[in-house]
Amino acid sequence: MGIGIDDGIHIVHRWREESSQDLTAVLRQIGRAIVLTSLTTSIGFGSLISSHYPGLRSIGWVTGLGILTCLLAALILLPAVLAWREQ
């Protein structure tokens, strides 16, 4: 949850700082960092999938998919909401 919230905060903060409030410029500037941090965290937790213990394996699946879902929401849903709010 924390990395997903942070991604949204970074996007909104950068969007507010941008003088023209251009979402494509914001995503171009900060998008790589958000994708990289989310992917590395997802891969790190996803490595638990190879565990022999079923509890750890399920934690790996849930956290890996959860982080990727938060990433998609931050890159697709949040810009759409900000563009809608701007109008």
C-alpha atoms as a PDB file:
ATOM      1  CA  MET A   1       0.000   0.000   0.000  1.00  0.00           C
ATOM      2  CA  GLY A   2       2.783   2.396   0.870  1.00  0.00           C
ATOM      3  CA  ILE A   3       4.515   2.372  -2.514  1.00  0.00           C
ATOM      4  CA  GLY A   4       1.167   2.846  -4.296  1.00  0.00           C
ATOM      5  CA  ILE A   5       0.288   5.820  -2.119  1.00  0.00           C
ATOM      6  CA  ASP A   6       3.739   7.299  -2.649  1.00  0.00           C
ATOM      7  CA  ASP A   7       3.381   7.005  -6.428  1.00  0.00           C
ATOM      8  CA  GLY A   8       0.135   8.965  -6.328  1.00  0.00           C
ATOM      9  CA  ILE A   9       1.579  11.601  -4.012  1.00  0.00           C
ATOM     10  CA  HIS A  10       4.587  12.106  -6.291  1.00  0.00           C
ATOM     11  CA  ILE A  11       2.381  12.537  -9.364  1.00  0.00           C
ATOM     12  CA  VAL A  12      -0.019  14.991  -7.703  1.00  0.00           C
ATOM     13  CA  HIS A  13       2.819  16.968  -6.114  1.00  0.00           C
ATOM     14  CA  ARG A  14       4.684  17.288  -9.423  1.00  0.00           C
ATOM     15  CA  TRP A  15       1.430  18.178 -11.224  1.00  0.00           C
ATOM     16  CA  ARG A  16       0.790  21.001  -8.739  1.00  0.00           C
ATOM     17  CA  GLU A  17       4.350  22.296  -9.172  1.00  0.00           C
ATOM     18  CA  GLU A  18       4.071  22.295 -12.972  1.00  0.00           C
ATOM     19  CA  SER A  19       3.120  25.806 -14.077  1.00  0.00           C
ATOM     20  CA  SER A  20       1.109  24.642 -17.089  1.00  0.00           C
ATOM     21  CA  GLN A  21      -0.210  21.551 -15.244  1.00  0.00           C
ATOM     22  CA  ASP A  22       0.557  19.434 -18.308  1.00  0.00           C
ATOM     23  CA  LEU A  23      -0.006  15.801 -17.351  1.00  0.00           C
ATOM     24  CA  THR A  24       2.086  14.387 -20.179  1.00  0.00           C
ATOM     25  CA  ALA A  25       5.078  16.440 -19.052  1.00  0.00           C
ATOM     26  CA  VAL A  26       4.581  15.329 -15.466  1.00  0.00           C
ATOM     27  CA  LEU A  27       4.376  11.658 -16.421  1.00  0.00           C
ATOM     28  CA  ARG A  28       7.412  12.007 -18.672  1.00  0.00           C
ATOM     29  CA  GLN A  29       9.443  13.534 -15.834  1.00  0.00           C
ATOM     30  CA  ILE A  30       8.420  11.277 -12.978  1.00  0.00           C
ATOM     31  CA  GLY A  31       7.049   8.206 -14.755  1.00  0.00           C
ATOM     32  CA  ARG A  32      10.349   6.359 -15.067  1.00  0.00           C
ATOM     33  CA  ALA A  33      11.099   6.701 -11.360  1.00  0.00           C
ATOM     34  CA  ILE A  34       7.643   5.479 -10.385  1.00  0.00           C
ATOM     35  CA  VAL A  35       7.809   2.506 -12.734  1.00  0.00           C
ATOM     36  CA  LEU A  36      11.313   1.581 -11.595  1.00  0.00           C
ATOM     37  CA  THR A  37      10.556   1.715  -7.865  1.00  0.00           C
ATOM     38  CA  SER A  38       7.311  -0.210  -8.261  1.00  0.00           C
ATOM     39  CA  LEU A  39       8.872  -2.894 -10.462  1.00  0.00           C
ATOM     40  CA  THR A  40      11.863  -3.445  -8.200  1.00  0.00           C
ATOM     41  CA  THR A  41       9.628  -3.704  -5.142  1.00  0.00           C
ATOM     42  CA  SER A  42       7.277  -6.061  -6.962  1.00  0.00           C
ATOM     43  CA  ILE A  43      10.179  -8.238  -8.091  1.00  0.00           C
ATOM     44  CA  GLY A  44      11.583  -8.281  -4.573  1.00  0.00           C
ATOM     45  CA  PHE A  45       8.328  -9.457  -3.042  1.00  0.00           C
ATOM     46  CA  GLY A  46       7.664 -11.645  -6.068  1.00  0.00           C
ATOM     47  CA  SER A  47      10.794 -13.620  -5.314  1.00  0.00           C
ATOM     48  CA  LEU A  48       8.849 -15.127  -2.410  1.00  0.00           C
ATOM     49  CA  ILE A  49       6.828 -17.021  -5.029  1.00  0.00           C
ATOM     50  CA  SER A  50       9.697 -19.497  -5.309  1.00  0.00           C
ATOM     51  CA  SER A  51       9.394 -20.382  -1.620  1.00  0.00           C
ATOM     52  CA  HIS A  52       8.480 -23.930  -0.606  1.00  0.00           C
ATOM     53  CA  TYR A  53       6.334 -22.623   2.258  1.00  0.00           C
ATOM     54  CA  PRO A  54       2.771 -21.929   0.998  1.00  0.00           C
ATOM     55  CA  GLY A  55       2.268 -18.911   3.275  1.00  0.00           C
ATOM     56  CA  LEU A  56       5.296 -17.084   1.914  1.00  0.00           C
ATOM     57  CA  ARG A  57       4.390 -18.070  -1.630  1.00  0.00           C
ATOM     58  CA  SER A  58       0.920 -16.521  -1.297  1.00  0.00           C
ATOM     59  CA  ILE A  59       2.393 -13.346   0.226  1.00  0.00           C
ATOM     60  CA  GLY A  60       4.680 -13.097  -2.803  1.00  0.00           C
ATOM     61  CA  TRP A  61       1.746 -13.389  -5.216  1.00  0.00           C
ATOM     62  CA  VAL A  62      -0.481 -10.940  -3.366  1.00  0.00           C
ATOM     63  CA  THR A  63       2.129  -8.248  -2.805  1.00  0.00           C
ATOM     64  CA  GLY A  64       3.618  -8.541  -6.289  1.00  0.00           C
ATOM     65  CA  LEU A  65       0.244  -8.221  -7.989  1.00  0.00           C
ATOM     66  CA  GLY A  66      -0.899  -5.552  -5.536  1.00  0.00           C
ATOM     67  CA  ILE A  67       2.077  -3.325  -6.279  1.00  0.00           C
ATOM     68  CA  LEU A  68       1.610  -3.740 -10.031  1.00  0.00           C
ATOM     69  CA  THR A  69      -2.084  -2.881  -9.658  1.00  0.00           C
ATOM     70  CA  CYS A  70      -1.204   0.265  -7.711  1.00  0.00           C
ATOM     71  CA  LEU A  71       1.286   1.187 -10.446  1.00  0.00           C
ATOM     72  CA  LEU A  72      -1.367   0.859 -13.136  1.00  0.00           C
ATOM     73  CA  ALA A  73      -3.797   2.916 -11.076  1.00  0.00           C
ATOM     74  CA  ALA A  74      -1.185   5.650 -10.577  1.00  0.00           C
ATOM     75  CA  LEU A  75      -0.288   5.780 -14.267  1.00  0.00           C
ATOM     76  CA  ILE A  76      -3.767   5.377 -15.792  1.00  0.00           C
ATOM     77  CA  LEU A  77      -6.508   6.222 -13.306  1.00  0.00           C
ATOM     78  CA  LEU A  78      -4.885   9.135 -11.459  1.00  0.00           C
ATOM     79  CA  PRO A  79      -4.009  11.171 -14.587  1.00  0.00           C
ATOM     80  CA  ALA A  80      -7.567  10.640 -15.849  1.00  0.00           C
ATOM     81  CA  VAL A  81      -8.985  11.939 -12.563  1.00  0.00           C
ATOM     82  CA  LEU A  82      -6.625  14.932 -12.602  1.00  0.00           C
ATOM     83  CA  ALA A  83      -7.545  15.778 -16.211  1.00  0.00           C
ATOM     84  CA  TRP A  84     -11.255  15.471 -15.355  1.00  0.00           C
ATOM     85  CA  ARG A  85     -10.771  17.694 -12.297  1.00  0.00           C
ATOM     86  CA  GLU A  86      -8.919  20.265 -14.393  1.00  0.00           C
ATOM     87  CA  GLN A  87     -11.916  20.691 -16.678  1.00  0.00           C
END
